[in-house]
Amino acid sequence: MIIIADGGATKTAWRSVDKDGVVRSADTLGMNPSTYGADHFHTTVGQAMPVLNPDGEHVDKIYFYGAGLVTTASVAPIRDALQKWCPDAFIDFRSDLLAAARALFGDGEGIVAIMGTGSNSCLYRDGKIMQNYKSGGYILGDDGSAAALGKAFMSDYVRSLLPLEVDLLFHKEYEMPYQVVVENVYRKPGAAAFLGSFAPFILKNINEPTGYFRSLVEGCMDSFMKYALARYPHKSGDGIKVGVIGSFGCACEEYVREAGKRYGLEFETFLTSPIDELVRYHGV
């Protein structure tokens, strides 16, 4: 059996393929070591494994792709949790960026855009990440992400900068005192996910009459093009395509494409998740 996992800030998608080629799926909370600790990883893996391997088949390999896997120390608690259930498995840790690149382009070429709770990007060629402009995370960057959009909205909200119509619309759906915002952003884990949770509300109401939400979304997309995607070598007609991974990017496809045109970027593929393409990539 092999197991493939794509661990993001908000959720982790799992697939297992047994000796007969049967594919099983599981979805759990995110497994970003920048956000969570060892207890969370043990609990999360413990929820996934009985679903992925109900018959206790021997697990030969685990391909774990994830955000925040930047050092040996950050990988260690996830490795420990996986080895508790699969002590003899070979575990291959790779970045969520490589997961997106392999899912979108195989071992080919293109510009990769991750647009989920967070964002990232790279220039990918011949199966390798050739260039990567760091996203900076939800505090310093993450342009083009649900967290960045939610951050811009919450920033206006807490400073009483929302148009009256938008403020009334928000309060019809949310009870959100200032103290609750501060608690979730500065004191609780999962601040990026909290900020990103407002993206569906914004997109649902994007046609509200003041144009505030549309402007917010267009600004979010433009920043991602300007500070990330358009900086990779490209020119009109050169054949380099851009692919998007992430449910937020897919929900914003219309606005992503519009912003891309202003920078000469041609978008080819939009995928909500890389996980099923990764199963194919690994040849099972």
C-alpha atoms as a PDB file:
ATOM      1  CA  MET A   1       0.000   0.000   0.000  1.00  0.00           C
ATOM      2  CA  ILE A   2       1.030   3.562  -0.617  1.00  0.00           C
ATOM      3  CA  ILE A   3      -0.441   6.675   1.002  1.00  0.00           C
ATOM      4  CA  ILE A   4      -0.424  10.175  -0.470  1.00  0.00           C
ATOM      5  CA  ALA A   5      -1.292  13.241   1.596  1.00  0.00           C
ATOM      6  CA  ASP A   6      -1.648  16.917   0.770  1.00  0.00           C
ATOM      7  CA  GLY A   7      -1.516  18.858   4.025  1.00  0.00           C
ATOM      8  CA  GLY A   8      -2.622  22.475   3.920  1.00  0.00           C
ATOM      9  CA  ALA A   9      -3.346  25.125   6.501  1.00  0.00           C
ATOM     10  CA  THR A  10      -7.053  24.318   6.683  1.00  0.00           C
ATOM     11  CA  LYS A  11      -7.429  20.692   5.615  1.00  0.00           C
ATOM     12  CA  THR A  12      -5.477  17.604   4.609  1.00  0.00           C
ATOM     13  CA  ALA A  13      -6.560  15.408   1.699  1.00  0.00           C
ATOM     14  CA  TRP A  14      -5.475  11.751   1.927  1.00  0.00           C
ATOM     15  CA  ARG A  15      -5.489   8.893  -0.560  1.00  0.00           C
ATOM     16  CA  SER A  16      -4.386   5.278  -0.123  1.00  0.00           C
ATOM     17  CA  VAL A  17      -3.914   2.703  -2.852  1.00  0.00           C
ATOM     18  CA  ASP A  18      -3.850  -0.929  -1.741  1.00  0.00           C
ATOM     19  CA  LYS A  19      -2.276  -3.959  -3.433  1.00  0.00           C
ATOM     20  CA  ASP A  20      -5.433  -4.499  -5.507  1.00  0.00           C
ATOM     21  CA  GLY A  21      -5.501  -0.902  -6.724  1.00  0.00           C
ATOM     22  CA  VAL A  22      -8.401   0.126  -4.495  1.00  0.00           C
ATOM     23  CA  VAL A  23      -8.258   3.847  -3.730  1.00  0.00           C
ATOM     24  CA  ARG A  24      -9.594   5.145  -0.422  1.00  0.00           C
ATOM     25  CA  SER A  25     -10.033   8.768   0.607  1.00  0.00           C
ATOM     26  CA  ALA A  26      -9.999  10.704   3.851  1.00  0.00           C
ATOM     27  CA  ASP A  27     -10.182  14.386   4.737  1.00  0.00           C
ATOM     28  CA  THR A  28      -8.934  15.806   8.014  1.00  0.00           C
ATOM     29  CA  LEU A  29      -7.918  19.109   9.520  1.00  0.00           C
ATOM     30  CA  GLY A  30      -4.789  20.807   8.233  1.00  0.00           C
ATOM     31  CA  MET A  31      -1.265  19.700   9.166  1.00  0.00           C
ATOM     32  CA  ASN A  32       0.874  22.794   8.843  1.00  0.00           C
ATOM     33  CA  PRO A  33       3.686  22.668  11.462  1.00  0.00           C
ATOM     34  CA  SER A  34       3.778  26.457  11.485  1.00  0.00           C
ATOM     35  CA  THR A  35       0.292  26.394  12.973  1.00  0.00           C
ATOM     36  CA  TYR A  36      -0.139  23.146  14.904  1.00  0.00           C
ATOM     37  CA  GLY A  37       1.814  21.029  17.387  1.00  0.00           C
ATOM     38  CA  ALA A  38       2.615  17.361  17.926  1.00  0.00           C
ATOM     39  CA  ASP A  39      -0.650  16.447  19.698  1.00  0.00           C
ATOM     40  CA  HIS A  40      -2.666  17.750  16.768  1.00  0.00           C
ATOM     41  CA  PHE A  41      -0.670  15.668  14.287  1.00  0.00           C
ATOM     42  CA  HIS A  42      -1.090  12.463  16.290  1.00  0.00           C
ATOM     43  CA  THR A  43      -4.832  13.043  16.583  1.00  0.00           C
ATOM     44  CA  THR A  44      -5.219  13.893  12.898  1.00  0.00           C
ATOM     45  CA  VAL A  45      -3.200  10.934  11.611  1.00  0.00           C
ATOM     46  CA  GLY A  46      -5.137   8.727  14.025  1.00  0.00           C
ATOM     47  CA  GLN A  47      -8.378   9.867  12.386  1.00  0.00           C
ATOM     48  CA  ALA A  48      -7.153   9.263   8.840  1.00  0.00           C
ATOM     49  CA  MET A  49      -5.367   5.907   9.073  1.00  0.00           C
ATOM     50  CA  PRO A  50      -8.296   3.645  10.007  1.00  0.00           C
ATOM     51  CA  VAL A  51     -10.182   5.018   6.999  1.00  0.00           C
ATOM     52  CA  LEU A  52      -7.230   4.700   4.625  1.00  0.00           C
ATOM     53  CA  ASN A  53      -6.128   1.254   5.793  1.00  0.00           C
ATOM     54  CA  PRO A  54      -9.075  -0.518   7.446  1.00  0.00           C
ATOM     55  CA  ASP A  55      -7.569  -3.996   6.971  1.00  0.00           C
ATOM     56  CA  GLY A  56      -4.171  -3.137   8.422  1.00  0.00           C
ATOM     57  CA  GLU A  57      -2.300  -3.793   5.170  1.00  0.00           C
ATOM     58  CA  HIS A  58       1.456  -3.136   5.203  1.00  0.00           C
ATOM     59  CA  VAL A  59       2.218   0.459   4.129  1.00  0.00           C
ATOM     60  CA  ASP A  60       5.316   0.614   1.932  1.00  0.00           C
ATOM     61  CA  LYS A  61       5.502   4.302   1.074  1.00  0.00           C
ATOM     62  CA  ILE A  62       3.982   7.578   2.212  1.00  0.00           C
ATOM     63  CA  TYR A  63       4.264  10.672   0.046  1.00  0.00           C
ATOM     64  CA  PHE A  64       3.489  13.636   2.278  1.00  0.00           C
ATOM     65  CA  TYR A  65       3.199  17.024   0.609  1.00  0.00           C
ATOM     66  CA  GLY A  66       2.596  19.966   2.878  1.00  0.00           C
ATOM     67  CA  ALA A  67       2.863  23.630   3.734  1.00  0.00           C
ATOM     68  CA  GLY A  68       5.397  24.729   6.331  1.00  0.00           C
ATOM     69  CA  LEU A  69       7.818  21.808   5.840  1.00  0.00           C
ATOM     70  CA  VAL A  70      10.846  24.092   5.848  1.00  0.00           C
ATOM     71  CA  THR A  71      13.244  22.433   8.301  1.00  0.00           C
ATOM     72  CA  THR A  72      14.046  19.015   9.737  1.00  0.00           C
ATOM     73  CA  ALA A  73      12.514  20.173  13.007  1.00  0.00           C
ATOM     74  CA  SER A  74       9.239  21.119  11.329  1.00  0.00           C
ATOM     75  CA  VAL A  75       8.998  17.712   9.659  1.00  0.00           C
ATOM     76  CA  ALA A  76       9.797  15.713  12.822  1.00  0.00           C
ATOM     77  CA  PRO A  77       6.410  15.827  14.618  1.00  0.00           C
ATOM     78  CA  ILE A  78       4.546  14.787  11.464  1.00  0.00           C
ATOM     79  CA  ARG A  79       7.025  11.976  10.852  1.00  0.00           C
ATOM     80  CA  ASP A  80       6.554  10.764  14.432  1.00  0.00           C
ATOM     81  CA  ALA A  81       2.774  10.701  14.017  1.00  0.00           C
ATOM     82  CA  LEU A  82       2.964   8.777  10.734  1.00  0.00           C
ATOM     83  CA  GLN A  83       5.512   6.279  12.050  1.00  0.00           C
ATOM     84  CA  LYS A  84       3.263   5.405  14.975  1.00  0.00           C
ATOM     85  CA  TRP A  85       0.837   3.892  12.449  1.00  0.00           C
ATOM     86  CA  CYS A  86       3.280   2.910   9.689  1.00  0.00           C
ATOM     87  CA  PRO A  87       6.589   2.110  11.413  1.00  0.00           C
ATOM     88  CA  ASP A  88       8.277   0.495   8.394  1.00  0.00           C
ATOM     89  CA  ALA A  89       7.086   2.863   5.679  1.00  0.00           C
ATOM     90  CA  PHE A  90       9.432   4.979   3.598  1.00  0.00           C
ATOM     91  CA  ILE A  91       8.212   8.560   4.102  1.00  0.00           C
ATOM     92  CA  ASP A  92       8.963  11.165   1.455  1.00  0.00           C
ATOM     93  CA  PHE A  93       8.279  14.756   2.549  1.00  0.00           C
ATOM     94  CA  ARG A  94       7.868  17.392  -0.145  1.00  0.00           C
ATOM     95  CA  SER A  95       6.441  20.904  -0.272  1.00  0.00           C
ATOM     96  CA  ASP A  96       2.871  21.763  -1.177  1.00  0.00           C
ATOM     97  CA  LEU A  97       4.372  23.832  -3.981  1.00  0.00           C
ATOM     98  CA  LEU A  98       5.913  20.741  -5.581  1.00  0.00           C
ATOM     99  CA  ALA A  99       2.575  18.955  -5.120  1.00  0.00           C
ATOM    100  CA  ALA A 100       0.836  21.714  -7.063  1.00  0.00           C
ATOM    101  CA  ALA A 101       3.492  21.720  -9.775  1.00  0.00           C
ATOM    102  CA  ARG A 102       3.364  17.950 -10.285  1.00  0.00           C
ATOM    103  CA  ALA A 103      -0.429  17.956 -10.316  1.00  0.00           C
ATOM    104  CA  LEU A 104      -0.626  20.770 -12.872  1.00  0.00           C
ATOM    105  CA  PHE A 105       2.292  20.012 -15.170  1.00  0.00           C
ATOM    106  CA  GLY A 106       3.646  16.534 -14.370  1.00  0.00           C
ATOM    107  CA  ASP A 107       7.340  16.812 -15.232  1.00  0.00           C
ATOM    108  CA  GLY A 108       6.688  19.577 -17.759  1.00  0.00           C
ATOM    109  CA  GLU A 109       6.777  23.368 -17.611  1.00  0.00           C
ATOM    110  CA  GLY A 110       4.608  26.204 -16.368  1.00  0.00           C
ATOM    111  CA  ILE A 111       3.994  28.882 -13.770  1.00  0.00           C
ATOM    112  CA  VAL A 112       2.351  27.446 -10.665  1.00  0.00           C
ATOM    113  CA  ALA A 113      -0.074  29.389  -8.490  1.00  0.00           C
ATOM    114  CA  ILE A 114      -1.366  28.079  -5.165  1.00  0.00           C
ATOM    115  CA  MET A 115      -4.482  30.044  -4.197  1.00  0.00           C
ATOM    116  CA  GLY A 116      -6.073  28.567  -1.120  1.00  0.00           C
ATOM    117  CA  THR A 117      -6.130  29.761   2.469  1.00  0.00           C
ATOM    118  CA  GLY A 118      -2.571  30.882   1.728  1.00  0.00           C
ATOM    119  CA  SER A 119      -0.746  31.434  -1.552  1.00  0.00           C
ATOM    120  CA  ASN A 120       2.537  30.522  -3.198  1.00  0.00           C
ATOM    121  CA  SER A 121       3.977  30.355  -6.685  1.00  0.00           C
ATOM    122  CA  CYS A 122       6.902  29.157  -8.732  1.00  0.00           C
ATOM    123  CA  LEU A 123       8.375  28.680 -12.181  1.00  0.00           C
ATOM    124  CA  TYR A 124       8.499  24.928 -12.858  1.00  0.00           C
ATOM    125  CA  ARG A 125      10.481  23.211 -15.588  1.00  0.00           C
ATOM    126  CA  ASP A 126      11.527  19.607 -16.309  1.00  0.00           C
ATOM    127  CA  GLY A 127      10.093  18.420 -13.009  1.00  0.00           C
ATOM    128  CA  LYS A 128      11.982  20.984 -10.923  1.00  0.00           C
ATOM    129  CA  ILE A 129      11.123  24.234  -9.177  1.00  0.00           C
ATOM    130  CA  MET A 130      13.400  26.705 -10.935  1.00  0.00           C
ATOM    131  CA  GLN A 131      12.353  29.938  -9.222  1.00  0.00           C
ATOM    132  CA  ASN A 132      10.169  30.816  -6.255  1.00  0.00           C
ATOM    133  CA  TYR A 133       9.234  34.213  -4.875  1.00  0.00           C
ATOM    134  CA  LYS A 134       8.381  33.685  -1.211  1.00  0.00           C
ATOM    135  CA  SER A 135       4.799  34.434  -0.307  1.00  0.00           C
ATOM    136  CA  GLY A 136       5.578  35.795   3.165  1.00  0.00           C
ATOM    137  CA  GLY A 137       2.620  34.148   4.893  1.00  0.00           C
ATOM    138  CA  TYR A 138      -0.642  35.806   5.852  1.00  0.00           C
ATOM    139  CA  ILE A 139       1.054  38.564   7.887  1.00  0.00           C
ATOM    140  CA  LEU A 140       3.691  39.643   5.375  1.00  0.00           C
ATOM    141  CA  GLY A 141       2.051  38.626   2.118  1.00  0.00           C
ATOM    142  CA  ASP A 142      -0.012  35.705   0.809  1.00  0.00           C
ATOM    143  CA  ASP A 143      -1.406  37.927  -1.949  1.00  0.00           C
ATOM    144  CA  GLY A 144      -4.102  36.150  -3.927  1.00  0.00           C
ATOM    145  CA  SER A 145      -5.248  34.001  -1.038  1.00  0.00           C
ATOM    146  CA  ALA A 146      -8.438  33.691   0.980  1.00  0.00           C
ATOM    147  CA  ALA A 147      -6.505  34.839   4.059  1.00  0.00           C
ATOM    148  CA  ALA A 148      -5.268  37.968   2.283  1.00  0.00           C
ATOM    149  CA  LEU A 149      -8.780  38.809   1.116  1.00  0.00           C
ATOM    150  CA  GLY A 150     -10.199  38.222   4.597  1.00  0.00           C
ATOM    151  CA  LYS A 151      -7.398  40.252   6.157  1.00  0.00           C
ATOM    152  CA  ALA A 152      -8.149  43.239   3.928  1.00  0.00           C
ATOM    153  CA  PHE A 153     -11.834  42.990   4.807  1.00  0.00           C
ATOM    154  CA  MET A 154     -11.279  42.579   8.562  1.00  0.00           C
ATOM    155  CA  SER A 155      -8.810  45.462   8.544  1.00  0.00           C
ATOM    156  CA  ASP A 156     -11.499  47.759   7.161  1.00  0.00           C
ATOM    157  CA  TYR A 157     -14.132  46.278   9.465  1.00  0.00           C
ATOM    158  CA  VAL A 158     -12.291  46.790  12.760  1.00  0.00           C
ATOM    159  CA  ARG A 159     -11.374  50.358  11.759  1.00  0.00           C
ATOM    160  CA  SER A 160     -14.975  51.211  10.779  1.00  0.00           C
ATOM    161  CA  LEU A 161     -14.037  51.791   7.128  1.00  0.00           C
ATOM    162  CA  LEU A 162     -16.737  49.639   5.549  1.00  0.00           C
ATOM    163  CA  PRO A 163     -19.462  51.313   3.481  1.00  0.00           C
ATOM    164  CA  LEU A 164     -22.680  51.416   5.516  1.00  0.00           C
ATOM    165  CA  GLU A 165     -24.452  48.990   3.169  1.00  0.00           C
ATOM    166  CA  VAL A 166     -21.631  46.453   3.485  1.00  0.00           C
ATOM    167  CA  ASP A 167     -21.475  46.843   7.253  1.00  0.00           C
ATOM    168  CA  LEU A 168     -25.215  46.130   7.537  1.00  0.00           C
ATOM    169  CA  LEU A 169     -24.869  43.141   5.201  1.00  0.00           C
ATOM    170  CA  PHE A 170     -22.063  41.741   7.329  1.00  0.00           C
ATOM    171  CA  HIS A 171     -23.965  42.118  10.593  1.00  0.00           C
ATOM    172  CA  LYS A 172     -26.956  40.262   9.162  1.00  0.00           C
ATOM    173  CA  GLU A 173     -24.778  37.185   8.925  1.00  0.00           C
ATOM    174  CA  TYR A 174     -22.166  37.609  11.666  1.00  0.00           C
ATOM    175  CA  GLU A 175     -21.956  38.673  15.271  1.00  0.00           C
ATOM    176  CA  MET A 176     -18.332  39.739  15.377  1.00  0.00           C
ATOM    177  CA  PRO A 177     -17.267  42.030  18.234  1.00  0.00           C
ATOM    178  CA  TYR A 178     -13.830  43.592  17.995  1.00  0.00           C
ATOM    179  CA  GLN A 179     -12.583  41.413  20.854  1.00  0.00           C
ATOM    180  CA  VAL A 180     -13.521  38.234  18.964  1.00  0.00           C
ATOM    181  CA  VAL A 181     -11.525  39.362  15.937  1.00  0.00           C
ATOM    182  CA  VAL A 182      -8.461  40.159  18.066  1.00  0.00           C
ATOM    183  CA  GLU A 183      -8.738  36.845  19.917  1.00  0.00           C
ATOM    184  CA  ASN A 184      -8.850  34.835  16.706  1.00  0.00           C
ATOM    185  CA  VAL A 185      -6.109  36.751  14.909  1.00  0.00           C
ATOM    186  CA  TYR A 186      -3.596  37.239  17.715  1.00  0.00           C
ATOM    187  CA  ARG A 187      -4.217  34.629  20.392  1.00  0.00           C
ATOM    188  CA  LYS A 188      -5.693  31.478  18.889  1.00  0.00           C
ATOM    189  CA  PRO A 189      -4.060  29.063  16.455  1.00  0.00           C
ATOM    190  CA  GLY A 190      -5.315  29.060  12.886  1.00  0.00           C
ATOM    191  CA  ALA A 191      -5.448  32.826  12.323  1.00  0.00           C
ATOM    192  CA  ALA A 192      -5.025  32.434   8.554  1.00  0.00           C
ATOM    193  CA  ALA A 193      -7.959  30.018   8.411  1.00  0.00           C
ATOM    194  CA  PHE A 194     -10.069  32.448  10.481  1.00  0.00           C
ATOM    195  CA  LEU A 195      -9.332  35.314   8.095  1.00  0.00           C
ATOM    196  CA  GLY A 196      -9.877  33.090   5.072  1.00  0.00           C
ATOM    197  CA  SER A 197     -13.272  32.014   6.397  1.00  0.00           C
ATOM    198  CA  PHE A 198     -14.729  35.368   5.300  1.00  0.00           C
ATOM    199  CA  ALA A 199     -13.857  34.798   1.635  1.00  0.00           C
ATOM    200  CA  PRO A 200     -17.078  32.845   0.823  1.00  0.00           C
ATOM    201  CA  PHE A 201     -19.177  35.666   2.297  1.00  0.00           C
ATOM    202  CA  ILE A 202     -17.302  38.236   0.204  1.00  0.00           C
ATOM    203  CA  LEU A 203     -17.642  36.219  -3.012  1.00  0.00           C
ATOM    204  CA  LYS A 204     -21.317  35.482  -2.362  1.00  0.00           C
ATOM    205  CA  ASN A 205     -22.009  39.198  -2.096  1.00  0.00           C
ATOM    206  CA  ILE A 206     -19.536  40.425  -4.707  1.00  0.00           C
ATOM    207  CA  ASN A 207     -22.267  42.166  -6.709  1.00  0.00           C
ATOM    208  CA  GLU A 208     -23.488  44.308  -3.801  1.00  0.00           C
ATOM    209  CA  PRO A 209     -24.286  47.813  -5.102  1.00  0.00           C
ATOM    210  CA  THR A 210     -21.388  49.799  -3.611  1.00  0.00           C
ATOM    211  CA  GLY A 211     -18.775  47.807  -5.549  1.00  0.00           C
ATOM    212  CA  TYR A 212     -16.698  47.446  -2.369  1.00  0.00           C
ATOM    213  CA  PHE A 213     -16.378  43.655  -2.463  1.00  0.00           C
ATOM    214  CA  ARG A 214     -15.602  43.565  -6.180  1.00  0.00           C
ATOM    215  CA  SER A 215     -12.871  46.159  -5.668  1.00  0.00           C
ATOM    216  CA  LEU A 216     -11.471  44.135  -2.759  1.00  0.00           C
ATOM    217  CA  VAL A 217     -11.308  40.936  -4.840  1.00  0.00           C
ATOM    218  CA  GLU A 218      -9.835  42.679  -7.886  1.00  0.00           C
ATOM    219  CA  GLY A 219      -7.184  44.301  -5.710  1.00  0.00           C
ATOM    220  CA  CYS A 220      -6.317  40.944  -4.141  1.00  0.00           C
ATOM    221  CA  MET A 221      -5.872  39.352  -7.575  1.00  0.00           C
ATOM    222  CA  ASP A 222      -3.910  42.273  -8.982  1.00  0.00           C
ATOM    223  CA  SER A 223      -1.458  42.123  -6.072  1.00  0.00           C
ATOM    224  CA  PHE A 224      -0.827  38.425  -6.702  1.00  0.00           C
ATOM    225  CA  MET A 225      -0.078  39.077 -10.366  1.00  0.00           C
ATOM    226  CA  LYS A 226       2.135  42.075  -9.644  1.00  0.00           C
ATOM    227  CA  TYR A 227       4.144  40.736  -6.722  1.00  0.00           C
ATOM    228  CA  ALA A 228       4.345  37.073  -7.726  1.00  0.00           C
ATOM    229  CA  LEU A 229       3.173  35.581 -11.027  1.00  0.00           C
ATOM    230  CA  ALA A 230       4.155  38.365 -13.424  1.00  0.00           C
ATOM    231  CA  ARG A 231       7.695  38.401 -12.047  1.00  0.00           C
ATOM    232  CA  TYR A 232       8.489  35.000 -13.547  1.00  0.00           C
ATOM    233  CA  PRO A 233       9.984  35.130 -17.068  1.00  0.00           C
ATOM    234  CA  HIS A 234       7.142  35.172 -19.594  1.00  0.00           C
ATOM    235  CA  LYS A 235       5.954  37.017 -22.653  1.00  0.00           C
ATOM    236  CA  SER A 236       2.886  36.850 -24.809  1.00  0.00           C
ATOM    237  CA  GLY A 237       3.004  33.879 -27.151  1.00  0.00           C
ATOM    238  CA  ASP A 238       5.922  32.134 -25.461  1.00  0.00           C
ATOM    239  CA  GLY A 239       3.753  29.114 -24.644  1.00  0.00           C
ATOM    240  CA  ILE A 240       4.280  29.238 -20.878  1.00  0.00           C
ATOM    241  CA  LYS A 241       0.961  28.570 -19.195  1.00  0.00           C
ATOM    242  CA  VAL A 242      -0.176  29.304 -15.662  1.00  0.00           C
ATOM    243  CA  GLY A 243      -1.984  26.716 -13.575  1.00  0.00           C
ATOM    244  CA  VAL A 244      -3.946  27.333 -10.384  1.00  0.00           C
ATOM    245  CA  ILE A 245      -4.399  24.984  -7.434  1.00  0.00           C
ATOM    246  CA  GLY A 246      -6.859  25.795  -4.647  1.00  0.00           C
ATOM    247  CA  SER A 247     -10.562  26.129  -4.001  1.00  0.00           C
ATOM    248  CA  PHE A 248     -10.261  29.881  -3.483  1.00  0.00           C
ATOM    249  CA  GLY A 249      -8.518  30.332  -6.830  1.00  0.00           C
ATOM    250  CA  CYS A 250     -11.164  28.223  -8.554  1.00  0.00           C
ATOM    251  CA  ALA A 251     -13.957  30.254  -6.944  1.00  0.00           C
ATOM    252  CA  CYS A 252     -12.269  33.422  -8.217  1.00  0.00           C
ATOM    253  CA  GLU A 253     -11.430  32.095 -11.696  1.00  0.00           C
ATOM    254  CA  GLU A 254     -13.182  34.945 -13.511  1.00  0.00           C
ATOM    255  CA  TYR A 255     -11.247  37.589 -11.567  1.00  0.00           C
ATOM    256  CA  VAL A 256      -7.962  35.675 -11.764  1.00  0.00           C
ATOM    257  CA  ARG A 257      -8.212  35.516 -15.556  1.00  0.00           C
ATOM    258  CA  GLU A 258      -9.147  39.208 -15.800  1.00  0.00           C
ATOM    259  CA  ALA A 259      -6.176  40.252 -13.670  1.00  0.00           C
ATOM    260  CA  GLY A 260      -3.853  37.926 -15.591  1.00  0.00           C
ATOM    261  CA  LYS A 261      -4.729  39.556 -18.921  1.00  0.00           C
ATOM    262  CA  ARG A 262      -3.394  42.874 -17.665  1.00  0.00           C
ATOM    263  CA  TYR A 263      -0.018  41.216 -17.102  1.00  0.00           C
ATOM    264  CA  GLY A 264       0.091  39.007 -20.189  1.00  0.00           C
ATOM    265  CA  LEU A 265      -0.543  35.799 -18.246  1.00  0.00           C
ATOM    266  CA  GLU A 266      -2.524  32.966 -19.813  1.00  0.00           C
ATOM    267  CA  PHE A 267      -4.226  30.588 -17.382  1.00  0.00           C
ATOM    268  CA  GLU A 268      -4.601  26.998 -18.525  1.00  0.00           C
ATOM    269  CA  THR A 269      -5.813  24.837 -15.639  1.00  0.00           C
ATOM    270  CA  PHE A 270      -7.762  25.379 -12.412  1.00  0.00           C
ATOM    271  CA  LEU A 271      -7.834  22.520  -9.878  1.00  0.00           C
ATOM    272  CA  THR A 272      -9.412  22.687  -6.433  1.00  0.00           C
ATOM    273  CA  SER A 273      -6.934  20.116  -5.081  1.00  0.00           C
ATOM    274  CA  PRO A 274      -3.818  18.343  -6.364  1.00  0.00           C
ATOM    275  CA  ILE A 275      -4.488  15.054  -4.595  1.00  0.00           C
ATOM    276  CA  ASP A 276      -6.066  12.985  -7.394  1.00  0.00           C
ATOM    277  CA  GLU A 277      -3.510  14.173  -9.938  1.00  0.00           C
ATOM    278  CA  LEU A 278      -0.774  13.198  -7.461  1.00  0.00           C
ATOM    279  CA  VAL A 279      -2.184   9.670  -7.338  1.00  0.00           C
ATOM    280  CA  ARG A 280      -1.805   9.542 -11.120  1.00  0.00           C
ATOM    281  CA  TYR A 281       1.648  11.145 -10.970  1.00  0.00           C
ATOM    282  CA  HIS A 282       2.925   8.418  -8.686  1.00  0.00           C
ATOM    283  CA  GLY A 283       1.713   5.845 -11.166  1.00  0.00           C
ATOM    284  CA  VAL A 284      -0.968   4.122  -9.184  1.00  0.00           C
END
